[in-house]
PDB file of N, CA and C in Angstrom:
ATOM      1  N   UNK A   1     -27.593 -14.754  31.318  1.00  0.00           N
ATOM      2  CA  UNK A   1     -27.473 -13.419  30.808  1.00  0.00           C
ATOM      3  C   UNK A   1     -26.948 -12.526  31.922  1.00  0.00           C
ATOM      4  N   UNK A   2     -26.081 -11.608  31.575  1.00  0.00           N
ATOM      5  CA  UNK A   2     -25.539 -10.670  32.542  1.00  0.00           C
ATOM      6  C   UNK A   2     -26.266  -9.341  32.398  1.00  0.00           C
ATOM      7  N   UNK A   3     -26.661  -8.785  33.543  1.00  0.00           N
ATOM      8  CA  UNK A   3     -27.375  -7.507  33.557  1.00  0.00           C
ATOM      9  C   UNK A   3     -26.821  -6.627  34.664  1.00  0.00           C
ATOM     10  N   UNK A   4     -26.938  -5.337  34.474  1.00  0.00           N
ATOM     11  CA  UNK A   4     -26.609  -4.392  35.534  1.00  0.00           C
ATOM     12  C   UNK A   4     -27.842  -4.264  36.430  1.00  0.00           C
ATOM     13  N   UNK A   5     -27.688  -3.725  37.634  1.00  0.00           N
ATOM     14  CA  UNK A   5     -28.871  -3.507  38.475  1.00  0.00           C
ATOM     15  C   UNK A   5     -29.937  -2.651  37.776  1.00  0.00           C
ATOM     16  N   UNK A   6     -29.513  -1.646  37.039  1.00  0.00           N
ATOM     17  CA  UNK A   6     -30.477  -0.783  36.333  1.00  0.00           C
ATOM     18  C   UNK A   6     -31.193  -1.549  35.222  1.00  0.00           C
ATOM     19  N   UNK A   7     -30.483  -2.427  34.533  1.00  0.00           N
ATOM     20  CA  UNK A   7     -31.122  -3.246  33.493  1.00  0.00           C
ATOM     21  C   UNK A   7     -32.133  -4.203  34.109  1.00  0.00           C
ATOM     22  N   UNK A   8     -31.790  -4.766  35.266  1.00  0.00           N
ATOM     23  CA  UNK A   8     -32.729  -5.636  35.968  1.00  0.00           C
ATOM     24  C   UNK A   8     -33.982  -4.850  36.354  1.00  0.00           C
ATOM     25  N   UNK A   9     -33.790  -3.632  36.803  1.00  0.00           N
ATOM     26  CA  UNK A   9     -34.927  -2.780  37.147  1.00  0.00           C
ATOM     27  C   UNK A   9     -35.828  -2.561  35.935  1.00  0.00           C
ATOM     28  N   UNK A  10     -35.223  -2.327  34.769  1.00  0.00           N
ATOM     29  CA  UNK A  10     -35.998  -2.126  33.538  1.00  0.00           C
ATOM     30  C   UNK A  10     -36.763  -3.400  33.172  1.00  0.00           C
ATOM     31  N   UNK A  11     -36.132  -4.562  33.339  1.00  0.00           N
ATOM     32  CA  UNK A  11     -36.799  -5.838  33.041  1.00  0.00           C
ATOM     33  C   UNK A  11     -38.029  -6.006  33.916  1.00  0.00           C
ATOM     34  N   UNK A  12     -37.869  -5.730  35.201  1.00  0.00           N
ATOM     35  CA  UNK A  12     -38.982  -5.893  36.144  1.00  0.00           C
ATOM     36  C   UNK A  12     -40.095  -4.900  35.843  1.00  0.00           C
ATOM     37  N   UNK A  13     -39.734  -3.667  35.532  1.00  0.00           N
ATOM     38  CA  UNK A  13     -40.736  -2.632  35.258  1.00  0.00           C
ATOM     39  C   UNK A  13     -41.502  -2.872  33.962  1.00  0.00           C
ATOM     40  N   UNK A  14     -40.851  -3.482  32.988  1.00  0.00           N
ATOM     41  CA  UNK A  14     -41.441  -3.593  31.656  1.00  0.00           C
ATOM     42  C   UNK A  14     -41.956  -4.972  31.295  1.00  0.00           C
ATOM     43  N   UNK A  15     -42.068  -5.864  32.269  1.00  0.00           N
ATOM     44  CA  UNK A  15     -42.569  -7.193  31.944  1.00  0.00           C
ATOM     45  C   UNK A  15     -43.316  -7.799  33.124  1.00  0.00           C
ATOM     46  N   UNK A  16     -44.157  -8.752  32.797  1.00  0.00           N
ATOM     47  CA  UNK A  16     -44.847  -9.548  33.815  1.00  0.00           C
ATOM     48  C   UNK A  16     -44.007 -10.797  34.029  1.00  0.00           C
ATOM     49  N   UNK A  17     -43.301 -10.853  35.140  1.00  0.00           N
ATOM     50  CA  UNK A  17     -42.417 -11.987  35.395  1.00  0.00           C
ATOM     51  C   UNK A  17     -43.219 -13.216  35.812  1.00  0.00           C
ATOM     52  N   UNK A  18     -42.920 -14.358  35.195  1.00  0.00           N
ATOM     53  CA  UNK A  18     -43.562 -15.598  35.615  1.00  0.00           C
ATOM     54  C   UNK A  18     -42.766 -16.205  36.781  1.00  0.00           C
ATOM     55  N   UNK A  19     -43.278 -17.279  37.355  1.00  0.00           N
ATOM     56  CA  UNK A  19     -42.628 -17.908  38.508  1.00  0.00           C
ATOM     57  C   UNK A  19     -41.205 -18.348  38.188  1.00  0.00           C
ATOM     58  N   UNK A  20     -41.002 -18.880  37.002  1.00  0.00           N
ATOM     59  CA  UNK A  20     -39.663 -19.334  36.612  1.00  0.00           C
ATOM     60  C   UNK A  20     -38.670 -18.170  36.648  1.00  0.00           C
ATOM     61  N   UNK A  21     -39.040 -17.049  36.050  1.00  0.00           N
ATOM     62  CA  UNK A  21     -38.137 -15.893  36.030  1.00  0.00           C
ATOM     63  C   UNK A  21     -37.908 -15.351  37.438  1.00  0.00           C
ATOM     64  N   UNK A  22     -38.943 -15.335  38.266  1.00  0.00           N
ATOM     65  CA  UNK A  22     -38.772 -14.886  39.651  1.00  0.00           C
ATOM     66  C   UNK A  22     -37.808 -15.804  40.404  1.00  0.00           C
ATOM     67  N   UNK A  23     -37.913 -17.108  40.160  1.00  0.00           N
ATOM     68  CA  UNK A  23     -36.996 -18.055  40.792  1.00  0.00           C
ATOM     69  C   UNK A  23     -35.563 -17.809  40.339  1.00  0.00           C
ATOM     70  N   UNK A  24     -35.360 -17.612  39.043  1.00  0.00           N
ATOM     71  CA  UNK A  24     -34.008 -17.405  38.508  1.00  0.00           C
ATOM     72  C   UNK A  24     -33.423 -16.093  38.999  1.00  0.00           C
ATOM     73  N   UNK A  25     -34.237 -15.036  39.016  1.00  0.00           N
ATOM     74  CA  UNK A  25     -33.765 -13.745  39.518  1.00  0.00           C
ATOM     75  C   UNK A  25     -33.458 -13.861  41.009  1.00  0.00           C
ATOM     76  N   UNK A  26     -34.340 -14.520  41.756  1.00  0.00           N
ATOM     77  CA  UNK A  26     -34.115 -14.711  43.186  1.00  0.00           C
ATOM     78  C   UNK A  26     -32.835 -15.470  43.462  1.00  0.00           C
ATOM     79  N   UNK A  27     -32.576 -16.516  42.676  1.00  0.00           N
ATOM     80  CA  UNK A  27     -31.353 -17.303  42.833  1.00  0.00           C
ATOM     81  C   UNK A  27     -30.122 -16.435  42.567  1.00  0.00           C
ATOM     82  N   UNK A  28     -30.168 -15.641  41.500  1.00  0.00           N
ATOM     83  CA  UNK A  28     -29.039 -14.765  41.170  1.00  0.00           C
ATOM     84  C   UNK A  28     -28.812 -13.720  42.260  1.00  0.00           C
ATOM     85  N   UNK A  29     -29.899 -13.145  42.776  1.00  0.00           N
ATOM     86  CA  UNK A  29     -29.779 -12.156  43.850  1.00  0.00           C
ATOM     87  C   UNK A  29     -29.210 -12.798  45.106  1.00  0.00           C
ATOM     88  N   UNK A  30     -29.645 -14.002  45.396  1.00  0.00           N
ATOM     89  CA  UNK A  30     -29.159 -14.718  46.574  1.00  0.00           C
ATOM     90  C   UNK A  30     -27.651 -14.956  46.457  1.00  0.00           C
ATOM     91  N   UNK A  31     -27.204 -15.383  45.295  1.00  0.00           N
ATOM     92  CA  UNK A  31     -25.772 -15.634  45.094  1.00  0.00           C
ATOM     93  C   UNK A  31     -24.948 -14.362  45.247  1.00  0.00           C
ATOM     94  N   UNK A  32     -25.464 -13.242  44.779  1.00  0.00           N
ATOM     95  CA  UNK A  32     -24.714 -11.982  44.836  1.00  0.00           C
ATOM     96  C   UNK A  32     -24.811 -11.310  46.192  1.00  0.00           C
ATOM     97  N   UNK A  33     -26.003 -11.298  46.776  1.00  0.00           N
ATOM     98  CA  UNK A  33     -26.234 -10.529  48.002  1.00  0.00           C
ATOM     99  C   UNK A  33     -26.078 -11.395  49.244  1.00  0.00           C
ATOM    100  N   UNK A  34     -26.888 -12.430  49.352  1.00  0.00           N
ATOM    101  CA  UNK A  34     -26.919 -13.254  50.565  1.00  0.00           C
ATOM    102  C   UNK A  34     -25.584 -13.967  50.791  1.00  0.00           C
ATOM    103  N   UNK A  35     -25.032 -14.540  49.731  1.00  0.00           N
ATOM    104  CA  UNK A  35     -23.786 -15.294  49.862  1.00  0.00           C
ATOM    105  C   UNK A  35     -22.573 -14.410  50.134  1.00  0.00           C
ATOM    106  N   UNK A  36     -22.682 -13.098  49.906  1.00  0.00           N
ATOM    107  CA  UNK A  36     -21.540 -12.208  50.093  1.00  0.00           C
ATOM    108  C   UNK A  36     -21.463 -11.605  51.493  1.00  0.00           C
ATOM    109  N   UNK A  37     -22.504 -11.763  52.283  1.00  0.00           N
ATOM    110  CA  UNK A  37     -22.522 -11.159  53.618  1.00  0.00           C
ATOM    111  C   UNK A  37     -22.157 -12.192  54.676  1.00  0.00           C
ATOM    112  N   UNK A  38     -21.633 -11.700  55.779  1.00  0.00           N
ATOM    113  CA  UNK A  38     -21.201 -12.586  56.859  1.00  0.00           C
ATOM    114  C   UNK A  38     -22.151 -12.604  58.047  1.00  0.00           C
ATOM    115  N   UNK A  39     -22.893 -11.513  58.251  1.00  0.00           N
ATOM    116  CA  UNK A  39     -23.765 -11.442  59.422  1.00  0.00           C
ATOM    117  C   UNK A  39     -24.887 -10.438  59.184  1.00  0.00           C
ATOM    118  N   UNK A  40     -25.820 -10.403  60.101  1.00  0.00           N
ATOM    119  CA  UNK A  40     -26.951  -9.473  60.013  1.00  0.00           C
ATOM    120  C   UNK A  40     -26.476  -8.018  59.975  1.00  0.00           C
ATOM    121  N   UNK A  41     -25.345  -7.728  60.565  1.00  0.00           N
ATOM    122  CA  UNK A  41     -24.812  -6.358  60.566  1.00  0.00           C
ATOM    123  C   UNK A  41     -24.465  -5.866  59.161  1.00  0.00           C
ATOM    124  N   UNK A  42     -24.285  -6.797  58.225  1.00  0.00           N
ATOM    125  CA  UNK A  42     -23.998  -6.417  56.838  1.00  0.00           C
ATOM    126  C   UNK A  42     -25.233  -5.864  56.125  1.00  0.00           C
ATOM    127  N   UNK A  43     -26.392  -5.961  56.771  1.00  0.00           N
ATOM    128  CA  UNK A  43     -27.658  -5.493  56.189  1.00  0.00           C
ATOM    129  C   UNK A  43     -28.261  -4.420  57.088  1.00  0.00           C
ATOM    130  N   UNK A  44     -27.860  -3.164  56.906  1.00  0.00           N
ATOM    131  CA  UNK A  44     -28.353  -2.097  57.781  1.00  0.00           C
ATOM    132  C   UNK A  44     -29.832  -1.769  57.555  1.00  0.00           C
ATOM    133  N   UNK A  45     -30.520  -1.394  58.644  1.00  0.00           N
ATOM    134  CA  UNK A  45     -31.885  -0.881  58.592  1.00  0.00           C
ATOM    135  C   UNK A  45     -32.868  -1.726  57.817  1.00  0.00           C
ATOM    136  N   UNK A  46     -33.495  -1.115  56.828  1.00  0.00           N
ATOM    137  CA  UNK A  46     -34.548  -1.781  56.048  1.00  0.00           C
ATOM    138  C   UNK A  46     -34.038  -2.987  55.274  1.00  0.00           C
ATOM    139  N   UNK A  47     -32.733  -3.109  55.107  1.00  0.00           N
ATOM    140  CA  UNK A  47     -32.163  -4.221  54.356  1.00  0.00           C
ATOM    141  C   UNK A  47     -32.015  -5.487  55.194  1.00  0.00           C
ATOM    142  N   UNK A  48     -32.381  -5.455  56.458  1.00  0.00           N
ATOM    143  CA  UNK A  48     -32.217  -6.624  57.332  1.00  0.00           C
ATOM    144  C   UNK A  48     -32.983  -7.838  56.808  1.00  0.00           C
ATOM    145  N   UNK A  49     -34.063  -7.637  56.061  1.00  0.00           N
ATOM    146  CA  UNK A  49     -34.817  -8.774  55.501  1.00  0.00           C
ATOM    147  C   UNK A  49     -33.984  -9.573  54.495  1.00  0.00           C
ATOM    148  N   UNK A  50     -32.936  -8.964  53.947  1.00  0.00           N
ATOM    149  CA  UNK A  50     -32.092  -9.639  52.971  1.00  0.00           C
ATOM    150  C   UNK A  50     -31.226 -10.720  53.605  1.00  0.00           C
ATOM    151  N   UNK A  51     -31.171 -10.747  54.935  1.00  0.00           N
ATOM    152  CA  UNK A  51     -30.378 -11.750  55.643  1.00  0.00           C
ATOM    153  C   UNK A  51     -31.086 -13.103  55.709  1.00  0.00           C
ATOM    154  N   UNK A  52     -32.378 -13.126  55.418  1.00  0.00           N
ATOM    155  CA  UNK A  52     -33.175 -14.354  55.442  1.00  0.00           C
ATOM    156  C   UNK A  52     -33.108 -15.012  54.066  1.00  0.00           C
ATOM    157  N   UNK A  53     -32.504 -16.180  53.991  1.00  0.00           N
ATOM    158  CA  UNK A  53     -32.339 -16.867  52.716  1.00  0.00           C
ATOM    159  C   UNK A  53     -33.638 -17.139  51.987  1.00  0.00           C
ATOM    160  N   UNK A  54     -34.726 -17.370  52.725  1.00  0.00           N
ATOM    161  CA  UNK A  54     -36.012 -17.651  52.078  1.00  0.00           C
ATOM    162  C   UNK A  54     -36.597 -16.413  51.393  1.00  0.00           C
ATOM    163  N   UNK A  55     -36.059 -15.239  51.709  1.00  0.00           N
ATOM    164  CA  UNK A  55     -36.492 -13.992  51.069  1.00  0.00           C
ATOM    165  C   UNK A  55     -36.337 -14.080  49.548  1.00  0.00           C
ATOM    166  N   UNK A  56     -35.382 -14.855  49.075  1.00  0.00           N
ATOM    167  CA  UNK A  56     -35.035 -14.894  47.661  1.00  0.00           C
ATOM    168  C   UNK A  56     -35.839 -15.907  46.845  1.00  0.00           C
ATOM    169  N   UNK A  57     -36.782 -16.614  47.470  1.00  0.00           N
ATOM    170  CA  UNK A  57     -37.624 -17.569  46.762  1.00  0.00           C
ATOM    171  C   UNK A  57     -38.755 -16.822  46.065  1.00  0.00           C
ATOM    172  N   UNK A  58     -38.687 -16.748  44.754  1.00  0.00           N
ATOM    173  CA  UNK A  58     -39.701 -16.045  43.950  1.00  0.00           C
ATOM    174  C   UNK A  58     -40.012 -14.647  44.512  1.00  0.00           C
ATOM    175  N   UNK A  59     -39.040 -13.752  44.549  1.00  0.00           N
ATOM    176  CA  UNK A  59     -39.272 -12.419  45.115  1.00  0.00           C
ATOM    177  C   UNK A  59     -40.289 -11.612  44.304  1.00  0.00           C
ATOM    178  N   UNK A  60     -41.047 -10.791  45.005  1.00  0.00           N
ATOM    179  CA  UNK A  60     -42.008  -9.883  44.360  1.00  0.00           C
ATOM    180  C   UNK A  60     -41.230  -8.749  43.697  1.00  0.00           C
ATOM    181  N   UNK A  61     -41.944  -7.941  42.916  1.00  0.00           N
ATOM    182  CA  UNK A  61     -41.298  -6.781  42.293  1.00  0.00           C
ATOM    183  C   UNK A  61     -40.677  -5.878  43.350  1.00  0.00           C
ATOM    184  N   UNK A  62     -41.414  -5.590  44.418  1.00  0.00           N
ATOM    185  CA  UNK A  62     -40.897  -4.707  45.468  1.00  0.00           C
ATOM    186  C   UNK A  62     -39.667  -5.295  46.146  1.00  0.00           C
ATOM    187  N   UNK A  63     -39.642  -6.612  46.333  1.00  0.00           N
ATOM    188  CA  UNK A  63     -38.472  -7.257  46.932  1.00  0.00           C
ATOM    189  C   UNK A  63     -37.270  -7.180  45.993  1.00  0.00           C
ATOM    190  N   UNK A  64     -37.510  -7.336  44.705  1.00  0.00           N
ATOM    191  CA  UNK A  64     -36.422  -7.201  43.726  1.00  0.00           C
ATOM    192  C   UNK A  64     -35.901  -5.774  43.734  1.00  0.00           C
ATOM    193  N   UNK A  65     -36.797  -4.792  43.797  1.00  0.00           N
ATOM    194  CA  UNK A  65     -36.368  -3.395  43.830  1.00  0.00           C
ATOM    195  C   UNK A  65     -35.542  -3.101  45.081  1.00  0.00           C
ATOM    196  N   UNK A  66     -35.910  -3.696  46.219  1.00  0.00           N
ATOM    197  CA  UNK A  66     -35.136  -3.521  47.449  1.00  0.00           C
ATOM    198  C   UNK A  66     -33.724  -4.081  47.251  1.00  0.00           C
ATOM    199  N   UNK A  67     -33.613  -5.234  46.607  1.00  0.00           N
ATOM    200  CA  UNK A  67     -32.309  -5.834  46.324  1.00  0.00           C
ATOM    201  C   UNK A  67     -31.487  -4.953  45.394  1.00  0.00           C
ATOM    202  N   UNK A  68     -32.130  -4.406  44.384  1.00  0.00           N
ATOM    203  CA  UNK A  68     -31.439  -3.521  43.438  1.00  0.00           C
ATOM    204  C   UNK A  68     -30.903  -2.305  44.179  1.00  0.00           C
ATOM    205  N   UNK A  69     -31.729  -1.713  45.016  1.00  0.00           N
ATOM    206  CA  UNK A  69     -31.300  -0.547  45.796  1.00  0.00           C
ATOM    207  C   UNK A  69     -30.103  -0.907  46.679  1.00  0.00           C
ATOM    208  N   UNK A  70     -30.162  -2.056  47.329  1.00  0.00           N
ATOM    209  CA  UNK A  70     -29.068  -2.513  48.186  1.00  0.00           C
ATOM    210  C   UNK A  70     -27.789  -2.712  47.371  1.00  0.00           C
ATOM    211  N   UNK A  71     -27.914  -3.332  46.189  1.00  0.00           N
ATOM    212  CA  UNK A  71     -26.746  -3.567  45.347  1.00  0.00           C
ATOM    213  C   UNK A  71     -26.093  -2.258  44.921  1.00  0.00           C
ATOM    214  N   UNK A  72     -26.896  -1.256  44.630  1.00  0.00           N
ATOM    215  CA  UNK A  72     -26.364   0.026  44.159  1.00  0.00           C
ATOM    216  C   UNK A  72     -25.855   0.871  45.327  1.00  0.00           C
ATOM    217  N   UNK A  73     -26.684   1.043  46.347  1.00  0.00           N
ATOM    218  CA  UNK A  73     -26.388   1.983  47.431  1.00  0.00           C
ATOM    219  C   UNK A  73     -25.406   1.460  48.470  1.00  0.00           C
ATOM    220  N   UNK A  74     -25.468   0.158  48.777  1.00  0.00           N
ATOM    221  CA  UNK A  74     -24.686  -0.360  49.901  1.00  0.00           C
ATOM    222  C   UNK A  74     -23.430  -1.104  49.462  1.00  0.00           C
ATOM    223  N   UNK A  75     -23.556  -2.026  48.521  1.00  0.00           N
ATOM    224  CA  UNK A  75     -22.393  -2.855  48.210  1.00  0.00           C
ATOM    225  C   UNK A  75     -21.792  -2.604  46.826  1.00  0.00           C
ATOM    226  N   UNK A  76     -22.407  -1.781  46.030  1.00  0.00           N
ATOM    227  CA  UNK A  76     -21.812  -1.381  44.756  1.00  0.00           C
ATOM    228  C   UNK A  76     -21.643  -2.489  43.728  1.00  0.00           C
ATOM    229  N   UNK A  77     -22.575  -3.418  43.652  1.00  0.00           N
ATOM    230  CA  UNK A  77     -22.516  -4.472  42.637  1.00  0.00           C
ATOM    231  C   UNK A  77     -22.891  -3.865  41.289  1.00  0.00           C
ATOM    232  N   UNK A  78     -22.067  -4.119  40.301  1.00  0.00           N
ATOM    233  CA  UNK A  78     -22.291  -3.541  38.978  1.00  0.00           C
ATOM    234  C   UNK A  78     -22.881  -4.509  37.975  1.00  0.00           C
ATOM    235  N   UNK A  79     -22.857  -5.812  38.299  1.00  0.00           N
ATOM    236  CA  UNK A  79     -23.353  -6.790  37.338  1.00  0.00           C
ATOM    237  C   UNK A  79     -23.901  -8.010  38.061  1.00  0.00           C
ATOM    238  N   UNK A  80     -24.930  -8.589  37.480  1.00  0.00           N
ATOM    239  CA  UNK A  80     -25.593  -9.751  38.034  1.00  0.00           C
ATOM    240  C   UNK A  80     -25.774 -10.755  36.908  1.00  0.00           C
ATOM    241  N   UNK A  81     -25.478 -12.023  37.178  1.00  0.00           N
ATOM    242  CA  UNK A  81     -25.667 -13.043  36.149  1.00  0.00           C
ATOM    243  C   UNK A  81     -26.902 -13.862  36.481  1.00  0.00           C
ATOM    244  N   UNK A  82     -27.865 -13.852  35.561  1.00  0.00           N
ATOM    245  CA  UNK A  82     -29.109 -14.606  35.730  1.00  0.00           C
ATOM    246  C   UNK A  82     -29.080 -15.754  34.733  1.00  0.00           C
ATOM    247  N   UNK A  83     -29.126 -16.970  35.240  1.00  0.00           N
ATOM    248  CA  UNK A  83     -29.126 -18.154  34.376  1.00  0.00           C
ATOM    249  C   UNK A  83     -30.549 -18.540  34.041  1.00  0.00           C
ATOM    250  N   UNK A  84     -30.882 -18.437  32.757  1.00  0.00           N
ATOM    251  CA  UNK A  84     -32.222 -18.807  32.300  1.00  0.00           C
ATOM    252  C   UNK A  84     -32.113 -19.757  31.123  1.00  0.00           C
ATOM    253  N   UNK A  85     -33.062 -20.670  31.052  1.00  0.00           N
ATOM    254  CA  UNK A  85     -33.165 -21.578  29.922  1.00  0.00           C
ATOM    255  C   UNK A  85     -34.323 -21.110  29.067  1.00  0.00           C
ATOM    256  N   UNK A  86     -34.044 -20.820  27.839  1.00  0.00           N
ATOM    257  CA  UNK A  86     -35.093 -20.329  26.945  1.00  0.00           C
ATOM    258  C   UNK A  86     -35.553 -21.420  26.004  1.00  0.00           C
TER     259      UNK A  86
END
């Protein structure tokens, strides 16, 4: 499913995510954020934690919100594809 950062925020705010969904969201965030950067300098200030690949393993709500903020404020990502099996 394709979602905008704001739609992802609504999903996180309005549901209790299970481990599977956290893994899928983390994988999608990793592909969009982690795989697109070249070095730690691409993650200014508070976003430096996004440079650690293990950060994306089952991220908490607050970690997902940090990623959403980074996607909107820093790199301007407009869409994220989350692969889920229903």
